[in-house]
Amino acid sequence: MIEPILIHNLWLSIALWIVAYLLDYYLTLYGAQLYQSGAKEHFGFGGSYELTPYYQPEIDRLRLVSPRFVLMLALSSLAIGLVWWLAVALLGLVELFLLLIGGLISRQLVVIIRHVRNIVLFRHAQTAGNIQGRVEYTRRVTIRGSATELFTFAAFYLLIFLISGSIFFVGGALACTITGIQHWRLASHSNKERNPVSG
């Protein structure tokens, strides 16, 4: 079981989070490069390739080193350490720490899977004859699709929890549900944007 390992090895928990966060950012960059270098001839997603407004300027500029990214990575890693110290070392509430780390890592896995899928699709789009024509999604459809995917993974993580009893996956279900709700609401205000980039 992964839970005791994460509880008793704070640095491993932080390291897993850093790896997941780095993968998210740099797979986003790679996907954005592929999109801009040819996949946009076949797909339009209405808005920035990046769904999170905070990171959109960085991804749109294809910045390899982003001050926003570094700041959020540092703050989130510090928060993991602080919650571990309060929940595990001070209060003995290991479940609270498992909810946090499970939520962070499990949600990042969903995003990483999405990036890998986009990268495979965009690489196929670069080869003549693989994909023909062009489809244009509104921003609303793109973000609602993201929300639906997050809700699906939330249900999947909840099922894993029911089978395994692991609080780690409750964190994943909660994080995916919360982010899914945020995306669903964001989609309601999104059709005002009409820019030729992906989601």
N, C-alpha and C. Protein backbone atom coordinates (compact mmCIF):
# COMPACT_ATOMS: atom_id res chain seq x y z
N MET A 1 0.85 -1.20 0.00
CA MET A 1 0.00 0.00 0.00
C MET A 1 0.88 1.24 0.00
N ILE A 2 0.52 2.21 -0.83
CA ILE A 2 1.34 3.41 -0.98
C ILE A 2 1.18 4.38 0.19
N GLU A 3 0.08 4.31 0.91
CA GLU A 3 -0.20 5.30 1.95
C GLU A 3 0.87 5.38 3.04
N PRO A 4 1.29 4.24 3.66
CA PRO A 4 2.33 4.34 4.69
C PRO A 4 3.63 4.92 4.16
N ILE A 5 3.96 4.62 2.90
CA ILE A 5 5.20 5.15 2.31
C ILE A 5 5.12 6.67 2.23
N LEU A 6 3.98 7.19 1.78
CA LEU A 6 3.84 8.64 1.65
C LEU A 6 3.78 9.33 3.01
N ILE A 7 3.12 8.70 3.96
CA ILE A 7 2.99 9.28 5.30
C ILE A 7 4.35 9.41 5.98
N HIS A 8 5.18 8.38 5.83
CA HIS A 8 6.45 8.35 6.56
C HIS A 8 7.62 8.90 5.75
N ASN A 9 7.37 9.33 4.53
CA ASN A 9 8.44 9.87 3.69
C ASN A 9 7.98 11.18 3.04
N LEU A 10 8.03 12.25 3.82
CA LEU A 10 7.58 13.54 3.31
C LEU A 10 8.31 13.92 2.03
N TRP A 11 9.62 13.71 2.00
CA TRP A 11 10.39 14.14 0.83
C TRP A 11 9.99 13.35 -0.42
N LEU A 12 9.61 12.10 -0.25
CA LEU A 12 9.13 11.33 -1.40
C LEU A 12 7.81 11.90 -1.90
N SER A 13 6.92 12.26 -0.98
CA SER A 13 5.64 12.87 -1.36
C SER A 13 5.87 14.15 -2.15
N ILE A 14 6.77 14.99 -1.64
CA ILE A 14 7.06 16.25 -2.33
C ILE A 14 7.72 15.98 -3.68
N ALA A 15 8.62 14.99 -3.73
CA ALA A 15 9.29 14.66 -4.98
C ALA A 15 8.29 14.18 -6.03
N LEU A 16 7.33 13.34 -5.63
CA LEU A 16 6.30 12.87 -6.56
C LEU A 16 5.48 14.04 -7.09
N TRP A 17 5.15 14.97 -6.19
CA TRP A 17 4.38 16.14 -6.60
C TRP A 17 5.18 16.99 -7.60
N ILE A 18 6.46 17.20 -7.32
CA ILE A 18 7.29 18.01 -8.22
C ILE A 18 7.39 17.36 -9.60
N VAL A 19 7.59 16.04 -9.63
CA VAL A 19 7.68 15.33 -10.91
C VAL A 19 6.36 15.48 -11.68
N ALA A 20 5.23 15.29 -10.99
CA ALA A 20 3.92 15.40 -11.65
C ALA A 20 3.68 16.81 -12.16
N TYR A 21 4.08 17.81 -11.38
CA TYR A 21 3.88 19.21 -11.76
C TYR A 21 4.76 19.58 -12.96
N LEU A 22 6.01 19.11 -12.94
CA LEU A 22 6.92 19.35 -14.06
C LEU A 22 6.40 18.68 -15.33
N LEU A 23 5.94 17.44 -15.21
CA LEU A 23 5.39 16.75 -16.37
C LEU A 23 4.20 17.51 -16.95
N ASP A 24 3.34 17.99 -16.09
CA ASP A 24 2.17 18.75 -16.55
C ASP A 24 2.63 19.95 -17.37
N TYR A 25 3.54 20.74 -16.83
CA TYR A 25 3.94 21.97 -17.50
C TYR A 25 4.65 21.68 -18.82
N TYR A 26 5.60 20.76 -18.80
CA TYR A 26 6.41 20.56 -20.00
C TYR A 26 5.69 19.72 -21.06
N LEU A 27 4.76 18.87 -20.67
CA LEU A 27 3.91 18.22 -21.66
C LEU A 27 2.94 19.22 -22.27
N THR A 28 2.49 20.19 -21.46
CA THR A 28 1.65 21.26 -22.00
C THR A 28 2.42 22.05 -23.05
N LEU A 29 3.66 22.40 -22.74
CA LEU A 29 4.49 23.14 -23.69
C LEU A 29 4.69 22.35 -24.99
N TYR A 30 4.97 21.07 -24.85
CA TYR A 30 5.20 20.25 -26.03
C TYR A 30 3.93 20.16 -26.88
N GLY A 31 2.80 19.95 -26.23
CA GLY A 31 1.53 19.90 -26.94
C GLY A 31 1.24 21.22 -27.64
N ALA A 32 1.52 22.34 -26.96
CA ALA A 32 1.29 23.66 -27.55
C ALA A 32 2.19 23.87 -28.77
N GLN A 33 3.44 23.41 -28.69
CA GLN A 33 4.36 23.53 -29.84
C GLN A 33 3.85 22.72 -31.02
N LEU A 34 3.40 21.49 -30.75
CA LEU A 34 2.86 20.65 -31.82
C LEU A 34 1.63 21.28 -32.44
N TYR A 35 0.81 21.86 -31.58
CA TYR A 35 -0.41 22.50 -32.07
C TYR A 35 -0.07 23.66 -33.00
N GLN A 36 0.84 24.52 -32.53
CA GLN A 36 1.18 25.70 -33.31
C GLN A 36 1.95 25.36 -34.58
N SER A 37 2.64 24.23 -34.58
CA SER A 37 3.45 23.87 -35.75
C SER A 37 2.72 23.00 -36.76
N GLY A 38 1.40 22.88 -36.65
CA GLY A 38 0.69 22.15 -37.69
C GLY A 38 -0.66 21.57 -37.32
N ALA A 39 -0.82 21.16 -36.06
CA ALA A 39 -2.08 20.53 -35.67
C ALA A 39 -3.25 21.51 -35.74
N LYS A 40 -2.95 22.81 -35.64
CA LYS A 40 -4.03 23.80 -35.69
C LYS A 40 -4.68 23.86 -37.08
N GLU A 41 -4.03 23.25 -38.06
CA GLU A 41 -4.64 23.17 -39.39
C GLU A 41 -5.85 22.22 -39.39
N HIS A 42 -5.91 21.35 -38.37
CA HIS A 42 -6.99 20.36 -38.29
C HIS A 42 -7.92 20.56 -37.10
N PHE A 43 -7.44 21.26 -36.06
CA PHE A 43 -8.23 21.42 -34.84
C PHE A 43 -8.24 22.88 -34.41
N GLY A 44 -9.39 23.33 -33.96
CA GLY A 44 -9.49 24.64 -33.33
C GLY A 44 -10.26 24.47 -32.03
N PHE A 45 -9.73 25.06 -30.95
CA PHE A 45 -10.34 24.86 -29.64
C PHE A 45 -10.84 26.14 -28.99
N GLY A 46 -10.73 27.26 -29.67
CA GLY A 46 -11.29 28.50 -29.15
C GLY A 46 -10.64 28.99 -27.88
N GLY A 47 -9.48 29.60 -27.98
CA GLY A 47 -8.80 30.13 -26.81
C GLY A 47 -7.41 29.57 -26.66
N SER A 48 -6.81 29.82 -25.52
CA SER A 48 -5.46 29.35 -25.24
C SER A 48 -5.40 27.83 -25.17
N TYR A 49 -4.26 27.27 -25.53
CA TYR A 49 -4.07 25.83 -25.38
C TYR A 49 -4.20 25.43 -23.91
N GLU A 50 -3.77 26.32 -23.04
CA GLU A 50 -3.83 26.08 -21.59
C GLU A 50 -5.21 26.45 -21.06
N LEU A 51 -5.82 25.56 -20.30
CA LEU A 51 -7.15 25.83 -19.74
C LEU A 51 -7.09 26.73 -18.50
N THR A 52 -6.04 26.62 -17.71
CA THR A 52 -5.93 27.40 -16.48
C THR A 52 -5.53 28.84 -16.81
N PRO A 53 -6.41 29.81 -16.54
CA PRO A 53 -6.11 31.20 -16.92
C PRO A 53 -4.77 31.71 -16.39
N TYR A 54 -4.37 31.30 -15.20
CA TYR A 54 -3.13 31.77 -14.58
C TYR A 54 -1.91 31.47 -15.44
N TYR A 55 -1.92 30.32 -16.13
CA TYR A 55 -0.76 29.89 -16.92
C TYR A 55 -0.88 30.21 -18.42
N GLN A 56 -2.00 30.74 -18.84
CA GLN A 56 -2.20 30.96 -20.28
C GLN A 56 -1.14 31.84 -20.92
N PRO A 57 -0.74 32.97 -20.30
CA PRO A 57 0.30 33.79 -20.95
C PRO A 57 1.62 33.03 -21.13
N GLU A 58 1.96 32.18 -20.17
CA GLU A 58 3.23 31.45 -20.24
C GLU A 58 3.20 30.42 -21.37
N ILE A 59 2.12 29.68 -21.45
CA ILE A 59 2.00 28.64 -22.47
C ILE A 59 1.85 29.25 -23.86
N ASP A 60 1.09 30.33 -23.97
CA ASP A 60 0.91 30.99 -25.27
C ASP A 60 2.24 31.49 -25.83
N ARG A 61 3.16 31.87 -24.93
CA ARG A 61 4.48 32.35 -25.36
C ARG A 61 5.50 31.22 -25.42
N LEU A 62 5.08 30.00 -25.06
CA LEU A 62 5.97 28.82 -25.05
C LEU A 62 7.21 29.07 -24.19
N ARG A 63 7.00 29.59 -23.01
CA ARG A 63 8.12 29.91 -22.11
C ARG A 63 8.65 28.65 -21.44
N LEU A 64 9.90 28.33 -21.67
CA LEU A 64 10.51 27.14 -21.07
C LEU A 64 10.65 27.29 -19.57
N VAL A 65 10.96 28.48 -19.11
CA VAL A 65 11.08 28.75 -17.68
C VAL A 65 10.08 29.85 -17.34
N SER A 66 9.12 29.50 -16.49
CA SER A 66 8.06 30.42 -16.15
C SER A 66 8.14 30.82 -14.68
N PRO A 67 8.28 32.12 -14.38
CA PRO A 67 8.27 32.57 -12.98
C PRO A 67 6.98 32.17 -12.26
N ARG A 68 5.84 32.22 -12.98
CA ARG A 68 4.57 31.82 -12.37
C ARG A 68 4.60 30.35 -11.98
N PHE A 69 5.13 29.53 -12.87
CA PHE A 69 5.22 28.10 -12.61
C PHE A 69 6.13 27.82 -11.41
N VAL A 70 7.31 28.44 -11.41
CA VAL A 70 8.27 28.23 -10.32
C VAL A 70 7.66 28.67 -8.99
N LEU A 71 6.98 29.81 -8.99
CA LEU A 71 6.34 30.31 -7.76
C LEU A 71 5.30 29.33 -7.25
N MET A 72 4.41 28.87 -8.13
CA MET A 72 3.35 27.96 -7.70
C MET A 72 3.91 26.60 -7.27
N LEU A 73 4.95 26.14 -7.94
CA LEU A 73 5.58 24.89 -7.54
C LEU A 73 6.18 25.01 -6.14
N ALA A 74 6.86 26.12 -5.88
CA ALA A 74 7.45 26.34 -4.57
C ALA A 74 6.39 26.45 -3.49
N LEU A 75 5.34 27.23 -3.76
CA LEU A 75 4.27 27.42 -2.76
C LEU A 75 3.52 26.12 -2.48
N SER A 76 3.22 25.36 -3.53
CA SER A 76 2.49 24.11 -3.35
C SER A 76 3.34 23.08 -2.61
N SER A 77 4.64 23.04 -2.91
CA SER A 77 5.54 22.11 -2.20
C SER A 77 5.64 22.49 -0.73
N LEU A 78 5.72 23.79 -0.47
CA LEU A 78 5.75 24.29 0.92
C LEU A 78 4.45 23.93 1.63
N ALA A 79 3.32 24.04 0.93
CA ALA A 79 2.02 23.71 1.53
C ALA A 79 1.95 22.22 1.87
N ILE A 80 2.50 21.37 1.02
CA ILE A 80 2.52 19.93 1.30
C ILE A 80 3.31 19.68 2.59
N GLY A 81 4.48 20.33 2.70
CA GLY A 81 5.29 20.16 3.91
C GLY A 81 4.59 20.67 5.15
N LEU A 82 3.90 21.80 5.03
CA LEU A 82 3.20 22.39 6.17
C LEU A 82 2.04 21.50 6.62
N VAL A 83 1.25 21.02 5.65
CA VAL A 83 0.13 20.13 6.00
C VAL A 83 0.65 18.84 6.62
N TRP A 84 1.75 18.30 6.10
CA TRP A 84 2.34 17.08 6.69
C TRP A 84 2.74 17.35 8.14
N TRP A 85 3.39 18.47 8.39
CA TRP A 85 3.85 18.79 9.73
C TRP A 85 2.66 18.94 10.69
N LEU A 86 1.62 19.64 10.23
CA LEU A 86 0.44 19.84 11.09
C LEU A 86 -0.35 18.54 11.27
N ALA A 87 -0.63 17.85 10.16
CA ALA A 87 -1.54 16.70 10.21
C ALA A 87 -0.87 15.45 10.73
N VAL A 88 0.35 15.18 10.29
CA VAL A 88 1.02 13.92 10.65
C VAL A 88 1.86 14.09 11.91
N ALA A 89 2.80 15.03 11.88
CA ALA A 89 3.74 15.16 13.00
C ALA A 89 3.11 15.76 14.25
N LEU A 90 2.22 16.73 14.09
CA LEU A 90 1.68 17.45 15.25
C LEU A 90 0.39 16.85 15.77
N LEU A 91 -0.59 16.62 14.89
CA LEU A 91 -1.93 16.21 15.32
C LEU A 91 -2.23 14.73 15.13
N GLY A 92 -1.41 14.03 14.37
CA GLY A 92 -1.67 12.62 14.13
C GLY A 92 -2.86 12.36 13.22
N LEU A 93 -3.25 13.34 12.41
CA LEU A 93 -4.37 13.19 11.47
C LEU A 93 -3.83 12.85 10.08
N VAL A 94 -3.35 11.62 9.95
CA VAL A 94 -2.71 11.23 8.70
C VAL A 94 -3.68 11.27 7.52
N GLU A 95 -4.97 11.07 7.80
CA GLU A 95 -5.97 11.08 6.73
C GLU A 95 -6.02 12.44 6.02
N LEU A 96 -5.81 13.52 6.77
CA LEU A 96 -5.83 14.85 6.18
C LEU A 96 -4.70 15.00 5.17
N PHE A 97 -3.53 14.52 5.54
CA PHE A 97 -2.39 14.59 4.61
C PHE A 97 -2.64 13.71 3.39
N LEU A 98 -3.20 12.53 3.60
CA LEU A 98 -3.48 11.63 2.47
C LEU A 98 -4.51 12.23 1.51
N LEU A 99 -5.50 12.94 2.06
CA LEU A 99 -6.48 13.62 1.21
C LEU A 99 -5.78 14.66 0.33
N LEU A 100 -4.88 15.43 0.92
CA LEU A 100 -4.17 16.47 0.18
C LEU A 100 -3.28 15.87 -0.90
N ILE A 101 -2.37 14.98 -0.52
CA ILE A 101 -1.40 14.45 -1.48
C ILE A 101 -2.11 13.58 -2.52
N GLY A 102 -3.13 12.85 -2.10
CA GLY A 102 -3.91 12.06 -3.05
C GLY A 102 -4.62 12.93 -4.05
N GLY A 103 -5.19 14.05 -3.57
CA GLY A 103 -5.87 14.97 -4.47
C GLY A 103 -4.93 15.60 -5.47
N LEU A 104 -3.78 16.06 -4.98
CA LEU A 104 -2.83 16.73 -5.88
C LEU A 104 -2.29 15.78 -6.95
N ILE A 105 -1.81 14.63 -6.53
CA ILE A 105 -1.17 13.71 -7.48
C ILE A 105 -2.20 13.07 -8.41
N SER A 106 -3.32 12.64 -7.87
CA SER A 106 -4.34 11.98 -8.71
C SER A 106 -4.90 12.92 -9.78
N ARG A 107 -5.12 14.17 -9.41
CA ARG A 107 -5.62 15.14 -10.40
C ARG A 107 -4.57 15.41 -11.47
N GLN A 108 -3.30 15.49 -11.06
CA GLN A 108 -2.24 15.70 -12.05
C GLN A 108 -2.16 14.52 -13.02
N LEU A 109 -2.42 13.32 -12.54
CA LEU A 109 -2.38 12.15 -13.43
C LEU A 109 -3.43 12.28 -14.54
N VAL A 110 -4.59 12.79 -14.19
CA VAL A 110 -5.65 13.01 -15.19
C VAL A 110 -5.16 13.97 -16.26
N VAL A 111 -4.54 15.06 -15.82
CA VAL A 111 -4.05 16.07 -16.75
C VAL A 111 -2.92 15.52 -17.62
N ILE A 112 -2.04 14.73 -17.03
CA ILE A 112 -0.93 14.13 -17.79
C ILE A 112 -1.48 13.19 -18.86
N ILE A 113 -2.48 12.39 -18.52
CA ILE A 113 -3.11 11.50 -19.50
C ILE A 113 -3.68 12.32 -20.66
N ARG A 114 -4.32 13.44 -20.34
CA ARG A 114 -4.88 14.32 -21.38
C ARG A 114 -3.78 14.85 -22.29
N HIS A 115 -2.65 15.26 -21.70
CA HIS A 115 -1.54 15.77 -22.51
C HIS A 115 -0.99 14.70 -23.45
N VAL A 116 -0.82 13.49 -22.93
CA VAL A 116 -0.29 12.40 -23.76
C VAL A 116 -1.23 12.13 -24.93
N ARG A 117 -2.53 12.12 -24.67
CA ARG A 117 -3.52 11.91 -25.73
C ARG A 117 -3.43 13.01 -26.79
N ASN A 118 -3.33 14.27 -26.35
CA ASN A 118 -3.22 15.37 -27.30
C ASN A 118 -1.94 15.28 -28.12
N ILE A 119 -0.84 14.94 -27.47
CA ILE A 119 0.45 14.85 -28.17
C ILE A 119 0.40 13.77 -29.24
N VAL A 120 -0.16 12.61 -28.92
CA VAL A 120 -0.28 11.54 -29.91
C VAL A 120 -1.15 12.00 -31.08
N LEU A 121 -2.27 12.64 -30.79
CA LEU A 121 -3.17 13.13 -31.83
C LEU A 121 -2.48 14.18 -32.70
N PHE A 122 -1.79 15.12 -32.06
CA PHE A 122 -1.14 16.19 -32.81
C PHE A 122 0.03 15.68 -33.65
N ARG A 123 0.73 14.69 -33.16
CA ARG A 123 1.82 14.11 -33.96
C ARG A 123 1.25 13.40 -35.19
N HIS A 124 0.13 12.73 -35.05
CA HIS A 124 -0.52 12.13 -36.22
C HIS A 124 -0.97 13.20 -37.21
N ALA A 125 -1.38 14.33 -36.68
CA ALA A 125 -1.85 15.42 -37.54
C ALA A 125 -0.72 15.99 -38.40
N GLN A 126 0.53 15.79 -37.98
CA GLN A 126 1.66 16.32 -38.74
C GLN A 126 1.99 15.48 -39.97
N THR A 127 1.49 14.25 -40.02
CA THR A 127 1.74 13.38 -41.16
C THR A 127 0.60 13.50 -42.16
N ALA A 128 0.95 13.85 -43.38
CA ALA A 128 -0.07 14.07 -44.42
C ALA A 128 -0.94 12.83 -44.61
N GLY A 129 -2.23 13.04 -44.67
CA GLY A 129 -3.18 11.96 -44.93
C GLY A 129 -3.73 11.29 -43.69
N ASN A 130 -3.09 11.48 -42.54
CA ASN A 130 -3.60 10.85 -41.31
C ASN A 130 -4.93 11.46 -40.88
N ILE A 131 -5.01 12.78 -40.95
CA ILE A 131 -6.22 13.50 -40.55
C ILE A 131 -6.58 14.47 -41.67
N GLN A 132 -7.82 14.46 -42.06
CA GLN A 132 -8.26 15.34 -43.13
C GLN A 132 -9.37 16.25 -42.64
N GLY A 133 -9.37 17.47 -43.18
CA GLY A 133 -10.40 18.43 -42.77
C GLY A 133 -10.02 19.14 -41.48
N ARG A 134 -10.95 19.93 -40.99
CA ARG A 134 -10.72 20.71 -39.76
C ARG A 134 -12.00 20.78 -38.95
N VAL A 135 -11.86 20.67 -37.65
CA VAL A 135 -13.00 20.81 -36.75
C VAL A 135 -12.70 21.94 -35.77
N GLU A 136 -13.70 22.78 -35.53
CA GLU A 136 -13.54 23.92 -34.62
C GLU A 136 -14.50 23.76 -33.45
N TYR A 137 -13.93 23.68 -32.24
CA TYR A 137 -14.74 23.61 -31.03
C TYR A 137 -14.83 25.01 -30.42
N THR A 138 -15.97 25.35 -29.86
CA THR A 138 -16.03 26.58 -29.07
C THR A 138 -15.30 26.35 -27.76
N ARG A 139 -14.90 27.45 -27.12
CA ARG A 139 -14.22 27.34 -25.83
C ARG A 139 -15.12 26.63 -24.81
N ARG A 140 -16.40 26.91 -24.90
CA ARG A 140 -17.36 26.29 -23.98
C ARG A 140 -17.33 24.76 -24.09
N VAL A 141 -17.33 24.25 -25.32
CA VAL A 141 -17.30 22.80 -25.53
C VAL A 141 -15.99 22.22 -25.01
N THR A 142 -14.87 22.90 -25.27
CA THR A 142 -13.57 22.42 -24.81
C THR A 142 -13.52 22.30 -23.28
N ILE A 143 -13.98 23.34 -22.60
CA ILE A 143 -13.89 23.34 -21.13
C ILE A 143 -14.92 22.40 -20.52
N ARG A 144 -16.11 22.32 -21.13
CA ARG A 144 -17.10 21.36 -20.62
C ARG A 144 -16.60 19.92 -20.82
N GLY A 145 -15.89 19.68 -21.92
CA GLY A 145 -15.29 18.36 -22.13
C GLY A 145 -14.28 18.03 -21.05
N SER A 146 -13.48 19.04 -20.67
CA SER A 146 -12.51 18.85 -19.58
C SER A 146 -13.23 18.52 -18.28
N ALA A 147 -14.31 19.27 -17.99
CA ALA A 147 -15.08 19.03 -16.76
C ALA A 147 -15.64 17.61 -16.75
N THR A 148 -16.18 17.18 -17.87
CA THR A 148 -16.76 15.83 -17.96
C THR A 148 -15.70 14.77 -17.71
N GLU A 149 -14.52 14.98 -18.29
CA GLU A 149 -13.43 14.03 -18.08
C GLU A 149 -13.02 13.97 -16.60
N LEU A 150 -12.96 15.13 -15.96
CA LEU A 150 -12.61 15.18 -14.54
C LEU A 150 -13.67 14.48 -13.68
N PHE A 151 -14.94 14.68 -14.00
CA PHE A 151 -16.01 14.00 -13.26
C PHE A 151 -15.92 12.48 -13.44
N THR A 152 -15.56 12.06 -14.65
CA THR A 152 -15.41 10.62 -14.92
C THR A 152 -14.30 10.03 -14.07
N PHE A 153 -13.16 10.72 -14.01
CA PHE A 153 -12.05 10.22 -13.18
C PHE A 153 -12.39 10.29 -11.70
N ALA A 154 -13.18 11.28 -11.29
CA ALA A 154 -13.61 11.35 -9.89
C ALA A 154 -14.40 10.09 -9.53
N ALA A 155 -15.29 9.68 -10.42
CA ALA A 155 -16.07 8.46 -10.18
C ALA A 155 -15.15 7.24 -10.15
N PHE A 156 -14.16 7.22 -11.04
CA PHE A 156 -13.20 6.11 -11.09
C PHE A 156 -12.40 6.03 -9.79
N TYR A 157 -11.91 7.17 -9.31
CA TYR A 157 -11.15 7.19 -8.05
C TYR A 157 -12.04 6.78 -6.87
N LEU A 158 -13.29 7.20 -6.89
CA LEU A 158 -14.21 6.80 -5.82
C LEU A 158 -14.42 5.29 -5.82
N LEU A 159 -14.51 4.71 -7.01
CA LEU A 159 -14.65 3.26 -7.12
C LEU A 159 -13.42 2.56 -6.57
N ILE A 160 -12.23 3.08 -6.88
CA ILE A 160 -11.00 2.49 -6.34
C ILE A 160 -11.00 2.58 -4.82
N PHE A 161 -11.46 3.72 -4.28
CA PHE A 161 -11.56 3.85 -2.82
C PHE A 161 -12.48 2.79 -2.23
N LEU A 162 -13.64 2.59 -2.85
CA LEU A 162 -14.59 1.61 -2.33
C LEU A 162 -14.02 0.20 -2.34
N ILE A 163 -13.16 -0.08 -3.31
CA ILE A 163 -12.54 -1.40 -3.39
C ILE A 163 -11.37 -1.52 -2.43
N SER A 164 -10.55 -0.47 -2.36
CA SER A 164 -9.29 -0.55 -1.59
C SER A 164 -9.37 0.04 -0.20
N GLY A 165 -10.30 0.99 0.02
CA GLY A 165 -10.36 1.69 1.30
C GLY A 165 -9.29 2.75 1.46
N SER A 166 -8.58 3.08 0.39
CA SER A 166 -7.47 4.03 0.45
C SER A 166 -7.97 5.47 0.42
N ILE A 167 -7.65 6.23 1.47
CA ILE A 167 -8.03 7.64 1.56
C ILE A 167 -7.36 8.45 0.46
N PHE A 168 -6.21 8.00 0.00
CA PHE A 168 -5.49 8.66 -1.09
C PHE A 168 -6.43 8.91 -2.28
N PHE A 169 -7.27 7.91 -2.61
CA PHE A 169 -8.15 8.03 -3.77
C PHE A 169 -9.40 8.86 -3.47
N VAL A 170 -9.75 9.00 -2.19
CA VAL A 170 -10.80 9.95 -1.84
C VAL A 170 -10.32 11.36 -2.18
N GLY A 171 -9.05 11.63 -1.88
CA GLY A 171 -8.46 12.92 -2.25
C GLY A 171 -8.53 13.14 -3.76
N GLY A 172 -8.22 12.09 -4.53
CA GLY A 172 -8.30 12.19 -5.98
C GLY A 172 -9.70 12.48 -6.46
N ALA A 173 -10.68 11.79 -5.86
CA ALA A 173 -12.09 12.00 -6.25
C ALA A 173 -12.53 13.43 -5.92
N LEU A 174 -12.15 13.92 -4.74
CA LEU A 174 -12.53 15.27 -4.34
C LEU A 174 -11.87 16.33 -5.23
N ALA A 175 -10.57 16.16 -5.50
CA ALA A 175 -9.85 17.14 -6.32
C ALA A 175 -10.40 17.20 -7.73
N CYS A 176 -10.68 16.03 -8.30
CA CYS A 176 -11.23 16.01 -9.67
C CYS A 176 -12.63 16.61 -9.71
N THR A 177 -13.42 16.34 -8.67
CA THR A 177 -14.77 16.91 -8.62
C THR A 177 -14.73 18.43 -8.50
N ILE A 178 -13.89 18.93 -7.62
CA ILE A 178 -13.78 20.38 -7.42
C ILE A 178 -13.30 21.07 -8.69
N THR A 179 -12.25 20.51 -9.32
CA THR A 179 -11.73 21.11 -10.55
C THR A 179 -12.75 20.99 -11.67
N GLY A 180 -13.49 19.88 -11.72
CA GLY A 180 -14.53 19.71 -12.71
C GLY A 180 -15.62 20.76 -12.57
N ILE A 181 -16.02 21.05 -11.33
CA ILE A 181 -17.03 22.09 -11.08
C ILE A 181 -16.50 23.45 -11.51
N GLN A 182 -15.22 23.73 -11.21
CA GLN A 182 -14.62 25.00 -11.62
C GLN A 182 -14.63 25.14 -13.14
N HIS A 183 -14.27 24.07 -13.84
CA HIS A 183 -14.26 24.12 -15.30
C HIS A 183 -15.67 24.27 -15.86
N TRP A 184 -16.63 23.60 -15.25
CA TRP A 184 -18.01 23.70 -15.73
C TRP A 184 -18.50 25.15 -15.62
N ARG A 185 -18.17 25.78 -14.50
CA ARG A 185 -18.57 27.18 -14.31
C ARG A 185 -17.80 28.10 -15.25
N LEU A 186 -16.51 27.83 -15.43
CA LEU A 186 -15.69 28.64 -16.33
C LEU A 186 -16.23 28.58 -17.76
N ALA A 187 -16.75 27.44 -18.14
CA ALA A 187 -17.29 27.28 -19.50
C ALA A 187 -18.47 28.21 -19.75
N SER A 188 -19.20 28.52 -18.69
CA SER A 188 -20.38 29.39 -18.84
C SER A 188 -19.99 30.80 -19.27
N HIS A 189 -18.74 31.21 -18.98
CA HIS A 189 -18.29 32.57 -19.31
C HIS A 189 -17.29 32.58 -20.45
N SER A 190 -17.13 31.44 -21.12
CA SER A 190 -16.01 31.29 -22.04
C SER A 190 -16.29 31.65 -23.48
N ASN A 191 -17.51 31.71 -23.91
CA ASN A 191 -17.79 31.93 -25.32
C ASN A 191 -17.51 33.36 -25.78
N LYS A 192 -17.12 34.21 -24.83
CA LYS A 192 -16.73 35.57 -25.20
C LYS A 192 -15.39 35.57 -25.92
N GLU A 193 -14.56 34.51 -25.66
CA GLU A 193 -13.25 34.40 -26.30
C GLU A 193 -13.39 33.65 -27.60
N ARG A 194 -12.69 34.09 -28.61
CA ARG A 194 -12.66 33.36 -29.88
C ARG A 194 -11.26 33.45 -30.45
N ASN A 195 -10.31 32.73 -29.87
CA ASN A 195 -8.93 32.76 -30.35
C ASN A 195 -8.57 31.39 -30.92
N PRO A 196 -7.72 31.34 -31.95
CA PRO A 196 -7.43 30.08 -32.63
C PRO A 196 -6.36 29.25 -31.95
N VAL A 197 -6.58 28.84 -30.69
CA VAL A 197 -5.62 27.95 -30.04
C VAL A 197 -6.38 26.85 -29.30
N SER A 198 -5.62 25.82 -28.77
CA SER A 198 -6.26 24.60 -28.27
C SER A 198 -6.59 24.61 -26.80
N GLY A 199 -7.25 23.56 -26.30
CA GLY A 199 -7.53 23.35 -24.89
C GLY A 199 -6.97 22.10 -24.47
